[in-house]
């Protein structure tokens, strides 16, 4: 029913726009009027319609912009020649918010669009909320965070969480006094299942019926037993002959399919070490990217052992992943390169 009403309203409004705004002598005359009974979630819109002797239908439109988006049911204004007072109750509104509205009327002779006007609903605007990151992760626990702006009214908040976007569980949360400054909030989650992706979001309420929802976010609890990832690494060129010797090491840490890369490599680091004759001659600590790859560049201005009679230096490359909450430590197969 609601969909049919929207389609009918759209057709009627389109007809009015196509006909022009009150240019035909016999088309309806329209005045967008004032508002009354302004509440937090509803308001009464007023106006007048003169059918100018032809059967006329009118409709109110309203919304957050001049695109409107909501409309009342089309109603008859009769077929007289005098102005008729009309009104409609607009409901389901957001408190403390500015809305646009207008009155539109149409008959067989054309359509008329009333002027745009605005009103502001009563009360403070809904609380502002932003879901933050999950911290202090473990195999059976996590802490979820967020930010609440009370927008001048005492605001209660809580986190919803669960294995899907249906959530299913909710924290006790707390209360933020009325104000306009953002307040950081957090809740610990306990007794979670290891190795599971959880959805969560922050919600905030003014009273019991004005609710703001933060965006959905996810975290994954650590597995009960960390699996060993597969590692690949290559250092190129393998036999550079001229100084300076510029070496590029690239590689990846491949988690098992049970742990998505977006979680598996968070906070991961590898070391890239160069060893010549049992002595470390260079080392880098490299962060692993979200796609579980890494890259490092190492420059040797001169050949190790420079000044000796040997024309080249054999250097071994060792790459080690330290592990994190999702993956066990692992090492790539050592490489050997020749400088000079």
C-alpha atoms as a PDB file:
ATOM      1  CA  UNK A   1       0.000   0.000   0.000  1.00  0.00           C
ATOM      2  CA  UNK A   2       2.778   2.413   0.945  1.00  0.00           C
ATOM      3  CA  UNK A   3       4.609   1.687  -2.313  1.00  0.00           C
ATOM      4  CA  UNK A   4       1.449   2.297  -4.384  1.00  0.00           C
ATOM      5  CA  UNK A   5       0.936   5.600  -2.570  1.00  0.00           C
ATOM      6  CA  UNK A   6       4.500   6.706  -3.325  1.00  0.00           C
ATOM      7  CA  UNK A   7       4.116   5.788  -7.010  1.00  0.00           C
ATOM      8  CA  UNK A   8       0.803   7.646  -7.260  1.00  0.00           C
ATOM      9  CA  UNK A   9       2.250  10.685  -5.523  1.00  0.00           C
ATOM     10  CA  UNK A  10       5.272  10.694  -7.821  1.00  0.00           C
ATOM     11  CA  UNK A  11       3.036  10.575 -10.900  1.00  0.00           C
ATOM     12  CA  UNK A  12       0.867  13.401  -9.638  1.00  0.00           C
ATOM     13  CA  UNK A  13       3.838  15.561  -8.694  1.00  0.00           C
ATOM     14  CA  UNK A  14       5.446  14.950 -12.072  1.00  0.00           C
ATOM     15  CA  UNK A  15       2.227  16.063 -13.744  1.00  0.00           C
ATOM     16  CA  UNK A  16       2.219  19.241 -11.700  1.00  0.00           C
ATOM     17  CA  UNK A  17       5.824  20.033 -12.525  1.00  0.00           C
ATOM     18  CA  UNK A  18       5.271  19.394 -16.215  1.00  0.00           C
ATOM     19  CA  UNK A  19       2.257  21.673 -16.261  1.00  0.00           C
ATOM     20  CA  UNK A  20       4.176  24.562 -14.715  1.00  0.00           C
ATOM     21  CA  UNK A  21       3.690  26.546 -11.538  1.00  0.00           C
ATOM     22  CA  UNK A  22       0.370  28.357 -11.585  1.00  0.00           C
ATOM     23  CA  UNK A  23       0.680  29.705 -15.100  1.00  0.00           C
ATOM     24  CA  UNK A  24      -2.696  28.555 -16.506  1.00  0.00           C
ATOM     25  CA  UNK A  25      -5.673  30.700 -15.486  1.00  0.00           C
ATOM     26  CA  UNK A  26      -7.849  27.708 -14.630  1.00  0.00           C
ATOM     27  CA  UNK A  27      -5.187  25.689 -12.823  1.00  0.00           C
ATOM     28  CA  UNK A  28      -5.389  25.541  -9.007  1.00  0.00           C
ATOM     29  CA  UNK A  29      -3.984  28.300  -6.843  1.00  0.00           C
ATOM     30  CA  UNK A  30      -1.766  27.144  -3.988  1.00  0.00           C
ATOM     31  CA  UNK A  31      -0.216  28.738  -0.903  1.00  0.00           C
ATOM     32  CA  UNK A  32       2.188  26.772   1.294  1.00  0.00           C
ATOM     33  CA  UNK A  33       1.194  27.777   4.791  1.00  0.00           C
ATOM     34  CA  UNK A  34       2.637  27.649   8.276  1.00  0.00           C
ATOM     35  CA  UNK A  35       3.043  24.730  10.680  1.00  0.00           C
ATOM     36  CA  UNK A  36       1.457  23.931  14.035  1.00  0.00           C
ATOM     37  CA  UNK A  37       1.651  21.322  16.778  1.00  0.00           C
ATOM     38  CA  UNK A  38       5.398  21.061  16.288  1.00  0.00           C
ATOM     39  CA  UNK A  39       6.658  18.031  18.207  1.00  0.00           C
ATOM     40  CA  UNK A  40       9.838  16.041  18.314  1.00  0.00           C
ATOM     41  CA  UNK A  41       8.655  13.535  15.719  1.00  0.00           C
ATOM     42  CA  UNK A  42       5.568  15.077  14.121  1.00  0.00           C
ATOM     43  CA  UNK A  43       4.153  18.369  12.892  1.00  0.00           C
ATOM     44  CA  UNK A  44       0.979  19.634  11.203  1.00  0.00           C
ATOM     45  CA  UNK A  45       1.535  21.302   7.816  1.00  0.00           C
ATOM     46  CA  UNK A  46      -0.977  23.914   6.600  1.00  0.00           C
ATOM     47  CA  UNK A  47      -1.825  25.556   3.308  1.00  0.00           C
ATOM     48  CA  UNK A  48      -4.634  26.789   1.073  1.00  0.00           C
ATOM     49  CA  UNK A  49      -5.880  25.551  -2.287  1.00  0.00           C
ATOM     50  CA  UNK A  50      -8.273  27.281  -4.700  1.00  0.00           C
ATOM     51  CA  UNK A  51      -9.538  24.706  -7.232  1.00  0.00           C
ATOM     52  CA  UNK A  52     -10.633  27.493  -9.627  1.00  0.00           C
ATOM     53  CA  UNK A  53     -13.737  25.586 -10.613  1.00  0.00           C
ATOM     54  CA  UNK A  54     -12.191  22.216 -11.463  1.00  0.00           C
ATOM     55  CA  UNK A  55     -11.896  19.023  -9.403  1.00  0.00           C
ATOM     56  CA  UNK A  56      -8.539  19.368  -7.669  1.00  0.00           C
ATOM     57  CA  UNK A  57      -6.261  17.049  -5.738  1.00  0.00           C
ATOM     58  CA  UNK A  58      -3.541  18.268  -3.398  1.00  0.00           C
ATOM     59  CA  UNK A  59      -0.586  16.715  -1.609  1.00  0.00           C
ATOM     60  CA  UNK A  60       2.043  17.919   0.877  1.00  0.00           C
ATOM     61  CA  UNK A  61       5.697  16.994   0.425  1.00  0.00           C
ATOM     62  CA  UNK A  62       8.442  17.167   3.071  1.00  0.00           C
ATOM     63  CA  UNK A  63      12.002  16.045   3.652  1.00  0.00           C
ATOM     64  CA  UNK A  64      15.484  16.996   4.800  1.00  0.00           C
ATOM     65  CA  UNK A  65      16.256  18.764   1.498  1.00  0.00           C
ATOM     66  CA  UNK A  66      14.349  20.361  -1.366  1.00  0.00           C
ATOM     67  CA  UNK A  67      14.323  16.901  -2.888  1.00  0.00           C
ATOM     68  CA  UNK A  68      11.709  16.151  -0.188  1.00  0.00           C
ATOM     69  CA  UNK A  69      11.263  12.372  -0.366  1.00  0.00           C
ATOM     70  CA  UNK A  70       8.145  11.998   1.788  1.00  0.00           C
ATOM     71  CA  UNK A  71       4.553  12.913   1.007  1.00  0.00           C
ATOM     72  CA  UNK A  72       1.102  12.680   2.473  1.00  0.00           C
ATOM     73  CA  UNK A  73      -1.756  10.855   0.792  1.00  0.00           C
ATOM     74  CA  UNK A  74      -3.327  12.768  -2.140  1.00  0.00           C
ATOM     75  CA  UNK A  75      -6.616  14.379  -1.060  1.00  0.00           C
ATOM     76  CA  UNK A  76      -9.457  16.222  -2.757  1.00  0.00           C
ATOM     77  CA  UNK A  77      -9.823  19.992  -2.455  1.00  0.00           C
ATOM     78  CA  UNK A  78     -13.184  19.951  -4.250  1.00  0.00           C
ATOM     79  CA  UNK A  79     -14.089  21.911  -7.376  1.00  0.00           C
ATOM     80  CA  UNK A  80     -15.083  25.289  -5.967  1.00  0.00           C
ATOM     81  CA  UNK A  81     -13.845  28.768  -6.720  1.00  0.00           C
ATOM     82  CA  UNK A  82     -12.784  29.794  -3.220  1.00  0.00           C
ATOM     83  CA  UNK A  83      -9.640  28.992  -1.266  1.00  0.00           C
ATOM     84  CA  UNK A  84      -9.872  25.933   0.952  1.00  0.00           C
ATOM     85  CA  UNK A  85      -7.730  25.440   4.045  1.00  0.00           C
ATOM     86  CA  UNK A  86      -5.887  22.118   3.934  1.00  0.00           C
ATOM     87  CA  UNK A  87      -3.491  20.359   6.274  1.00  0.00           C
ATOM     88  CA  UNK A  88      -1.703  17.084   6.913  1.00  0.00           C
ATOM     89  CA  UNK A  89       0.200  15.569   9.827  1.00  0.00           C
ATOM     90  CA  UNK A  90       3.781  14.628   8.968  1.00  0.00           C
ATOM     91  CA  UNK A  91       5.119  11.898  11.258  1.00  0.00           C
ATOM     92  CA  UNK A  92       8.211   9.816  11.759  1.00  0.00           C
ATOM     93  CA  UNK A  93      10.422  12.905  11.947  1.00  0.00           C
ATOM     94  CA  UNK A  94      13.815  13.393  13.561  1.00  0.00           C
ATOM     95  CA  UNK A  95      13.908  15.663  16.647  1.00  0.00           C
ATOM     96  CA  UNK A  96      15.769  18.963  16.504  1.00  0.00           C
ATOM     97  CA  UNK A  97      16.049  18.816  12.723  1.00  0.00           C
ATOM     98  CA  UNK A  98      15.237  21.301   9.934  1.00  0.00           C
ATOM     99  CA  UNK A  99      12.804  20.040   7.278  1.00  0.00           C
ATOM    100  CA  UNK A 100      11.649  21.465   3.955  1.00  0.00           C
ATOM    101  CA  UNK A 101       8.003  21.247   2.889  1.00  0.00           C
ATOM    102  CA  UNK A 102       5.632  22.477   0.190  1.00  0.00           C
ATOM    103  CA  UNK A 103       2.041  22.077  -1.052  1.00  0.00           C
ATOM    104  CA  UNK A 104       1.229  20.877  -4.571  1.00  0.00           C
ATOM    105  CA  UNK A 105      -2.192  20.824  -6.292  1.00  0.00           C
ATOM    106  CA  UNK A 106      -3.372  19.639  -9.711  1.00  0.00           C
ATOM    107  CA  UNK A 107      -6.482  19.399 -11.819  1.00  0.00           C
ATOM    108  CA  UNK A 108      -7.264  18.578 -15.435  1.00  0.00           C
ATOM    109  CA  UNK A 109      -6.169  22.084 -16.355  1.00  0.00           C
ATOM    110  CA  UNK A 110      -2.704  21.846 -14.883  1.00  0.00           C
ATOM    111  CA  UNK A 111      -0.697  21.765 -11.692  1.00  0.00           C
ATOM    112  CA  UNK A 112       0.676  24.292  -9.248  1.00  0.00           C
ATOM    113  CA  UNK A 113       3.671  23.920  -6.939  1.00  0.00           C
ATOM    114  CA  UNK A 114       3.658  25.964  -3.774  1.00  0.00           C
ATOM    115  CA  UNK A 115       6.725  27.705  -2.426  1.00  0.00           C
ATOM    116  CA  UNK A 116       9.285  25.839  -0.342  1.00  0.00           C
ATOM    117  CA  UNK A 117       9.240  26.523   3.392  1.00  0.00           C
ATOM    118  CA  UNK A 118      11.037  25.088   6.392  1.00  0.00           C
ATOM    119  CA  UNK A 119      10.346  24.105   9.980  1.00  0.00           C
ATOM    120  CA  UNK A 120      12.421  22.639  12.791  1.00  0.00           C
ATOM    121  CA  UNK A 121      11.165  19.813  14.975  1.00  0.00           C
ATOM    122  CA  UNK A 122      11.199  20.231  18.742  1.00  0.00           C
ATOM    123  CA  UNK A 123      13.790  18.916  21.142  1.00  0.00           C
ATOM    124  CA  UNK A 124      17.495  18.275  20.824  1.00  0.00           C
ATOM    125  CA  UNK A 125      18.765  16.437  17.754  1.00  0.00           C
ATOM    126  CA  UNK A 126      19.454  12.709  18.095  1.00  0.00           C
ATOM    127  CA  UNK A 127      22.754  11.702  19.675  1.00  0.00           C
ATOM    128  CA  UNK A 128      25.723  11.425  17.377  1.00  0.00           C
ATOM    129  CA  UNK A 129      27.468   8.056  17.387  1.00  0.00           C
ATOM    130  CA  UNK A 130      30.546   6.580  15.728  1.00  0.00           C
ATOM    131  CA  UNK A 131      31.600   2.970  16.142  1.00  0.00           C
ATOM    132  CA  UNK A 132      35.323   2.725  16.872  1.00  0.00           C
ATOM    133  CA  UNK A 133      37.887  -0.073  16.596  1.00  0.00           C
ATOM    134  CA  UNK A 134      38.023  -3.198  18.717  1.00  0.00           C
ATOM    135  CA  UNK A 135      41.027  -3.346  21.043  1.00  0.00           C
ATOM    136  CA  UNK A 136      42.583  -5.679  23.611  1.00  0.00           C
ATOM    137  CA  UNK A 137      41.702  -8.711  21.523  1.00  0.00           C
ATOM    138  CA  UNK A 138      42.087 -12.248  22.826  1.00  0.00           C
ATOM    139  CA  UNK A 139      40.741 -15.682  22.023  1.00  0.00           C
ATOM    140  CA  UNK A 140      37.657 -15.226  24.238  1.00  0.00           C
ATOM    141  CA  UNK A 141      37.500 -11.481  24.875  1.00  0.00           C
ATOM    142  CA  UNK A 142      37.696  -8.055  23.246  1.00  0.00           C
ATOM    143  CA  UNK A 143      36.990  -4.416  24.035  1.00  0.00           C
ATOM    144  CA  UNK A 144      34.804  -2.431  21.634  1.00  0.00           C
ATOM    145  CA  UNK A 145      35.054   1.352  21.464  1.00  0.00           C
ATOM    146  CA  UNK A 146      33.203   4.316  20.043  1.00  0.00           C
ATOM    147  CA  UNK A 147      32.342   7.995  20.399  1.00  0.00           C
ATOM    148  CA  UNK A 148      29.043   9.522  21.568  1.00  0.00           C
ATOM    149  CA  UNK A 149      27.900  13.137  21.197  1.00  0.00           C
ATOM    150  CA  UNK A 150      24.933  13.638  23.524  1.00  0.00           C
ATOM    151  CA  UNK A 151      23.693  16.714  21.610  1.00  0.00           C
ATOM    152  CA  UNK A 152      22.482  18.527  24.724  1.00  0.00           C
ATOM    153  CA  UNK A 153      20.384  15.708  26.200  1.00  0.00           C
ATOM    154  CA  UNK A 154      21.247  12.945  28.657  1.00  0.00           C
ATOM    155  CA  UNK A 155      22.134   9.978  26.475  1.00  0.00           C
ATOM    156  CA  UNK A 156      22.327   6.285  27.245  1.00  0.00           C
ATOM    157  CA  UNK A 157      24.526   4.069  25.089  1.00  0.00           C
ATOM    158  CA  UNK A 158      25.344   0.420  24.546  1.00  0.00           C
ATOM    159  CA  UNK A 159      27.076  -1.863  22.055  1.00  0.00           C
ATOM    160  CA  UNK A 160      25.279  -4.526  20.065  1.00  0.00           C
ATOM    161  CA  UNK A 161      27.341  -7.509  18.934  1.00  0.00           C
ATOM    162  CA  UNK A 162      27.072 -10.987  17.494  1.00  0.00           C
ATOM    163  CA  UNK A 163      28.235 -13.266  14.658  1.00  0.00           C
ATOM    164  CA  UNK A 164      25.998 -11.499  12.086  1.00  0.00           C
ATOM    165  CA  UNK A 165      24.555  -8.030  11.494  1.00  0.00           C
ATOM    166  CA  UNK A 166      21.491  -9.201  13.396  1.00  0.00           C
ATOM    167  CA  UNK A 167      23.801  -8.988  16.446  1.00  0.00           C
ATOM    168  CA  UNK A 168      21.742 -10.733  19.127  1.00  0.00           C
ATOM    169  CA  UNK A 169      23.620  -9.527  22.218  1.00  0.00           C
ATOM    170  CA  UNK A 170      24.008  -6.140  23.877  1.00  0.00           C
ATOM    171  CA  UNK A 171      26.283  -4.696  26.554  1.00  0.00           C
ATOM    172  CA  UNK A 172      25.021  -2.796  29.601  1.00  0.00           C
ATOM    173  CA  UNK A 173      26.670   0.422  28.384  1.00  0.00           C
ATOM    174  CA  UNK A 174      26.359   3.663  30.307  1.00  0.00           C
ATOM    175  CA  UNK A 175      25.094   7.257  30.323  1.00  0.00           C
ATOM    176  CA  UNK A 176      26.615  10.444  28.883  1.00  0.00           C
ATOM    177  CA  UNK A 177      25.421  13.745  30.447  1.00  0.00           C
ATOM    178  CA  UNK A 178      23.863  16.316  28.145  1.00  0.00           C
ATOM    179  CA  UNK A 179      26.517  18.265  26.278  1.00  0.00           C
ATOM    180  CA  UNK A 180      27.970  18.825  22.825  1.00  0.00           C
ATOM    181  CA  UNK A 181      31.485  17.433  23.219  1.00  0.00           C
ATOM    182  CA  UNK A 182      32.320  13.964  21.848  1.00  0.00           C
ATOM    183  CA  UNK A 183      32.814  11.377  24.601  1.00  0.00           C
ATOM    184  CA  UNK A 184      34.808   8.184  24.118  1.00  0.00           C
ATOM    185  CA  UNK A 185      33.087   5.047  25.400  1.00  0.00           C
ATOM    186  CA  UNK A 186      34.029   1.376  25.517  1.00  0.00           C
ATOM    187  CA  UNK A 187      32.720  -1.972  26.710  1.00  0.00           C
ATOM    188  CA  UNK A 188      34.555  -5.242  27.412  1.00  0.00           C
ATOM    189  CA  UNK A 189      33.137  -8.375  25.818  1.00  0.00           C
ATOM    190  CA  UNK A 190      33.719 -11.688  27.569  1.00  0.00           C
ATOM    191  CA  UNK A 191      33.137 -15.396  26.973  1.00  0.00           C
ATOM    192  CA  UNK A 192      33.470 -15.137  23.206  1.00  0.00           C
ATOM    193  CA  UNK A 193      34.182 -18.081  20.955  1.00  0.00           C
ATOM    194  CA  UNK A 194      37.787 -18.328  19.667  1.00  0.00           C
ATOM    195  CA  UNK A 195      38.510 -17.771  15.991  1.00  0.00           C
ATOM    196  CA  UNK A 196      35.139 -16.199  15.164  1.00  0.00           C
ATOM    197  CA  UNK A 197      34.346 -12.967  13.302  1.00  0.00           C
ATOM    198  CA  UNK A 198      31.992 -10.756  15.307  1.00  0.00           C
ATOM    199  CA  UNK A 199      29.931  -7.782  14.121  1.00  0.00           C
ATOM    200  CA  UNK A 200      29.311  -4.877  16.475  1.00  0.00           C
ATOM    201  CA  UNK A 201      27.986  -1.325  16.526  1.00  0.00           C
ATOM    202  CA  UNK A 202      27.431   1.483  19.007  1.00  0.00           C
ATOM    203  CA  UNK A 203      23.890   2.709  19.667  1.00  0.00           C
ATOM    204  CA  UNK A 204      22.791   5.777  21.637  1.00  0.00           C
ATOM    205  CA  UNK A 205      19.362   6.790  22.903  1.00  0.00           C
ATOM    206  CA  UNK A 206      17.491   9.898  24.008  1.00  0.00           C
ATOM    207  CA  UNK A 207      14.775   8.469  26.199  1.00  0.00           C
ATOM    208  CA  UNK A 208      13.446   5.178  24.872  1.00  0.00           C
ATOM    209  CA  UNK A 209      12.440   5.925  21.290  1.00  0.00           C
ATOM    210  CA  UNK A 210      15.082   8.245  19.791  1.00  0.00           C
ATOM    211  CA  UNK A 211      17.866   5.914  18.714  1.00  0.00           C
ATOM    212  CA  UNK A 212      21.033   6.580  16.730  1.00  0.00           C
ATOM    213  CA  UNK A 213      22.980   3.677  15.267  1.00  0.00           C
ATOM    214  CA  UNK A 214      26.702   3.651  14.612  1.00  0.00           C
ATOM    215  CA  UNK A 215      28.171   1.928  11.592  1.00  0.00           C
ATOM    216  CA  UNK A 216      28.717  -1.819  11.626  1.00  0.00           C
ATOM    217  CA  UNK A 217      32.275  -2.965  12.310  1.00  0.00           C
ATOM    218  CA  UNK A 218      33.942  -6.345  12.767  1.00  0.00           C
ATOM    219  CA  UNK A 219      36.703  -8.019  14.727  1.00  0.00           C
ATOM    220  CA  UNK A 220      37.948 -11.584  14.921  1.00  0.00           C
ATOM    221  CA  UNK A 221      38.877 -13.308  18.143  1.00  0.00           C
ATOM    222  CA  UNK A 222      42.232 -15.057  18.215  1.00  0.00           C
ATOM    223  CA  UNK A 223      42.182 -18.780  17.478  1.00  0.00           C
ATOM    224  CA  UNK A 224      42.650 -21.155  20.387  1.00  0.00           C
ATOM    225  CA  UNK A 225      45.758 -22.520  18.634  1.00  0.00           C
ATOM    226  CA  UNK A 226      47.683 -20.255  16.275  1.00  0.00           C
ATOM    227  CA  UNK A 227      48.306 -21.919  12.894  1.00  0.00           C
ATOM    228  CA  UNK A 228      51.661 -21.739  11.118  1.00  0.00           C
ATOM    229  CA  UNK A 229      51.520 -19.539   8.012  1.00  0.00           C
ATOM    230  CA  UNK A 230      53.285 -20.283   4.748  1.00  0.00           C
ATOM    231  CA  UNK A 231      56.001 -17.766   3.902  1.00  0.00           C
ATOM    232  CA  UNK A 232      57.497 -16.779   0.587  1.00  0.00           C
ATOM    233  CA  UNK A 233      60.290 -14.274  -0.027  1.00  0.00           C
ATOM    234  CA  UNK A 234      62.639 -13.265  -2.825  1.00  0.00           C
ATOM    235  CA  UNK A 235      65.569 -10.876  -2.888  1.00  0.00           C
ATOM    236  CA  UNK A 236      66.551  -9.398  -6.247  1.00  0.00           C
ATOM    237  CA  UNK A 237      68.886  -9.063  -8.002  1.00  0.00           C
ATOM    238  CA  UNK A 238      70.579 -12.268  -6.926  1.00  0.00           C
ATOM    239  CA  UNK A 239      73.983 -11.344  -8.357  1.00  0.00           C
ATOM    240  CA  UNK A 240      74.478  -7.581  -8.632  1.00  0.00           C
ATOM    241  CA  UNK A 241      77.955  -6.746  -9.917  1.00  0.00           C
ATOM    242  CA  UNK A 242      78.363  -3.001  -9.429  1.00  0.00           C
ATOM    243  CA  UNK A 243      78.181  -0.845  -6.339  1.00  0.00           C
ATOM    244  CA  UNK A 244      76.145   0.525  -4.784  1.00  0.00           C
ATOM    245  CA  UNK A 245      74.369  -2.802  -4.388  1.00  0.00           C
ATOM    246  CA  UNK A 246      70.611  -2.105  -4.189  1.00  0.00           C
ATOM    247  CA  UNK A 247      68.592  -5.135  -3.109  1.00  0.00           C
ATOM    248  CA  UNK A 248      64.805  -5.431  -2.973  1.00  0.00           C
ATOM    249  CA  UNK A 249      63.181  -8.090  -0.830  1.00  0.00           C
ATOM    250  CA  UNK A 250      59.501  -8.895  -1.322  1.00  0.00           C
ATOM    251  CA  UNK A 251      57.384 -11.616   0.166  1.00  0.00           C
ATOM    252  CA  UNK A 252      54.138 -12.697   1.742  1.00  0.00           C
ATOM    253  CA  UNK A 253      52.791 -14.367   4.843  1.00  0.00           C
ATOM    254  CA  UNK A 254      49.976 -16.661   3.770  1.00  0.00           C
ATOM    255  CA  UNK A 255      47.434 -17.523   6.486  1.00  0.00           C
ATOM    256  CA  UNK A 256      45.148 -20.558   6.280  1.00  0.00           C
ATOM    257  CA  UNK A 257      41.727 -20.087   4.699  1.00  0.00           C
ATOM    258  CA  UNK A 258      40.101 -20.044   8.133  1.00  0.00           C
ATOM    259  CA  UNK A 259      41.650 -16.642   8.898  1.00  0.00           C
ATOM    260  CA  UNK A 260      40.951 -13.840   6.375  1.00  0.00           C
ATOM    261  CA  UNK A 261      44.060 -11.808   5.423  1.00  0.00           C
ATOM    262  CA  UNK A 262      42.379  -8.630   6.668  1.00  0.00           C
ATOM    263  CA  UNK A 263      42.612 -10.006  10.204  1.00  0.00           C
ATOM    264  CA  UNK A 264      45.515 -12.454   9.999  1.00  0.00           C
ATOM    265  CA  UNK A 265      48.294  -9.952   9.341  1.00  0.00           C
ATOM    266  CA  UNK A 266      47.174  -7.027  11.498  1.00  0.00           C
ATOM    267  CA  UNK A 267      50.131  -5.684  13.416  1.00  0.00           C
ATOM    268  CA  UNK A 268      52.447  -8.264  11.871  1.00  0.00           C
ATOM    269  CA  UNK A 269      56.159  -7.578  11.329  1.00  0.00           C
ATOM    270  CA  UNK A 270      59.063  -9.372   9.698  1.00  0.00           C
ATOM    271  CA  UNK A 271      62.803  -8.915   9.969  1.00  0.00           C
ATOM    272  CA  UNK A 272      64.997  -8.984   6.883  1.00  0.00           C
ATOM    273  CA  UNK A 273      68.581  -9.846   7.886  1.00  0.00           C
ATOM    274  CA  UNK A 274      71.741 -10.042   5.784  1.00  0.00           C
ATOM    275  CA  UNK A 275      74.580 -12.184   7.135  1.00  0.00           C
ATOM    276  CA  UNK A 276      78.141 -12.302   5.800  1.00  0.00           C
ATOM    277  CA  UNK A 277      80.548 -14.864   7.238  1.00  0.00           C
ATOM    278  CA  UNK A 278      78.366 -15.425  10.280  1.00  0.00           C
ATOM    279  CA  UNK A 279      78.068 -11.709  11.062  1.00  0.00           C
ATOM    280  CA  UNK A 280      74.947  -9.637  10.570  1.00  0.00           C
ATOM    281  CA  UNK A 281      75.751  -6.746   8.240  1.00  0.00           C
ATOM    282  CA  UNK A 282      72.242  -5.294   7.777  1.00  0.00           C
ATOM    283  CA  UNK A 283      68.790  -5.716   9.288  1.00  0.00           C
ATOM    284  CA  UNK A 284      65.352  -4.159   8.800  1.00  0.00           C
ATOM    285  CA  UNK A 285      62.074  -4.423  10.676  1.00  0.00           C
ATOM    286  CA  UNK A 286      59.240  -4.288   8.136  1.00  0.00           C
ATOM    287  CA  UNK A 287      55.490  -3.978   8.718  1.00  0.00           C
ATOM    288  CA  UNK A 288      53.247  -6.447   6.924  1.00  0.00           C
ATOM    289  CA  UNK A 289      50.564  -4.846   4.766  1.00  0.00           C
ATOM    290  CA  UNK A 290      46.837  -5.621   5.199  1.00  0.00           C
ATOM    291  CA  UNK A 291      47.026  -7.979   2.207  1.00  0.00           C
ATOM    292  CA  UNK A 292      49.794  -9.915   4.023  1.00  0.00           C
ATOM    293  CA  UNK A 293      52.644  -8.817   1.753  1.00  0.00           C
ATOM    294  CA  UNK A 294      55.841  -6.989   2.654  1.00  0.00           C
ATOM    295  CA  UNK A 295      58.700  -5.253   0.884  1.00  0.00           C
ATOM    296  CA  UNK A 296      62.069  -3.853   1.919  1.00  0.00           C
ATOM    297  CA  UNK A 297      65.027  -2.267   0.170  1.00  0.00           C
ATOM    298  CA  UNK A 298      68.597  -2.612   1.394  1.00  0.00           C
ATOM    299  CA  UNK A 299      71.596  -0.731   0.019  1.00  0.00           C
ATOM    300  CA  UNK A 300      75.246  -1.729   0.424  1.00  0.00           C
ATOM    301  CA  UNK A 301      77.505   1.153  -0.678  1.00  0.00           C
ATOM    302  CA  UNK A 302      80.431  -1.249  -1.047  1.00  0.00           C
ATOM    303  CA  UNK A 303      80.905  -4.990  -1.161  1.00  0.00           C
ATOM    304  CA  UNK A 304      81.141  -6.676   2.265  1.00  0.00           C
ATOM    305  CA  UNK A 305      84.774  -7.600   2.903  1.00  0.00           C
ATOM    306  CA  UNK A 306      85.841  -4.739   0.631  1.00  0.00           C
ATOM    307  CA  UNK A 307      89.615  -4.459   0.360  1.00  0.00           C
ATOM    308  CA  UNK A 308      90.214  -8.179   0.310  1.00  0.00           C
ATOM    309  CA  UNK A 309      91.313  -9.963  -2.817  1.00  0.00           C
ATOM    310  CA  UNK A 310      88.048 -11.858  -3.292  1.00  0.00           C
ATOM    311  CA  UNK A 311      86.088 -10.379  -6.229  1.00  0.00           C
ATOM    312  CA  UNK A 312      82.672 -11.199  -4.729  1.00  0.00           C
ATOM    313  CA  UNK A 313      80.890 -11.683  -1.409  1.00  0.00           C
ATOM    314  CA  UNK A 314      78.383 -14.436  -0.663  1.00  0.00           C
ATOM    315  CA  UNK A 315      75.626 -13.097   1.602  1.00  0.00           C
ATOM    316  CA  UNK A 316      72.752 -15.013   3.161  1.00  0.00           C
ATOM    317  CA  UNK A 317      69.283 -13.486   3.625  1.00  0.00           C
ATOM    318  CA  UNK A 318      67.111 -14.542   6.568  1.00  0.00           C
ATOM    319  CA  UNK A 319      63.461 -13.458   6.870  1.00  0.00           C
ATOM    320  CA  UNK A 320      61.458 -14.096  10.022  1.00  0.00           C
ATOM    321  CA  UNK A 321      57.818 -13.386  10.895  1.00  0.00           C
ATOM    322  CA  UNK A 322      57.354 -12.726  14.606  1.00  0.00           C
ATOM    323  CA  UNK A 323      53.772 -13.955  14.733  1.00  0.00           C
ATOM    324  CA  UNK A 324      50.750 -12.195  16.216  1.00  0.00           C
ATOM    325  CA  UNK A 325      47.512 -13.152  17.898  1.00  0.00           C
ATOM    326  CA  UNK A 326      46.290 -15.000  14.811  1.00  0.00           C
ATOM    327  CA  UNK A 327      49.424 -16.679  13.430  1.00  0.00           C
ATOM    328  CA  UNK A 328      52.423 -18.490  14.900  1.00  0.00           C
ATOM    329  CA  UNK A 329      55.984 -17.272  14.173  1.00  0.00           C
ATOM    330  CA  UNK A 330      57.482 -18.533  10.910  1.00  0.00           C
ATOM    331  CA  UNK A 331      60.576 -18.125   8.757  1.00  0.00           C
ATOM    332  CA  UNK A 332      61.079 -18.099   5.007  1.00  0.00           C
ATOM    333  CA  UNK A 333      63.657 -20.344   3.386  1.00  0.00           C
ATOM    334  CA  UNK A 334      67.065 -18.589   3.585  1.00  0.00           C
ATOM    335  CA  UNK A 335      68.440 -17.160   0.351  1.00  0.00           C
ATOM    336  CA  UNK A 336      71.963 -16.652  -0.897  1.00  0.00           C
ATOM    337  CA  UNK A 337      72.992 -13.718  -3.030  1.00  0.00           C
ATOM    338  CA  UNK A 338      76.339 -12.749  -4.488  1.00  0.00           C
ATOM    339  CA  UNK A 339      77.576  -9.168  -4.419  1.00  0.00           C
ATOM    340  CA  UNK A 340      80.253  -8.211  -6.938  1.00  0.00           C
END
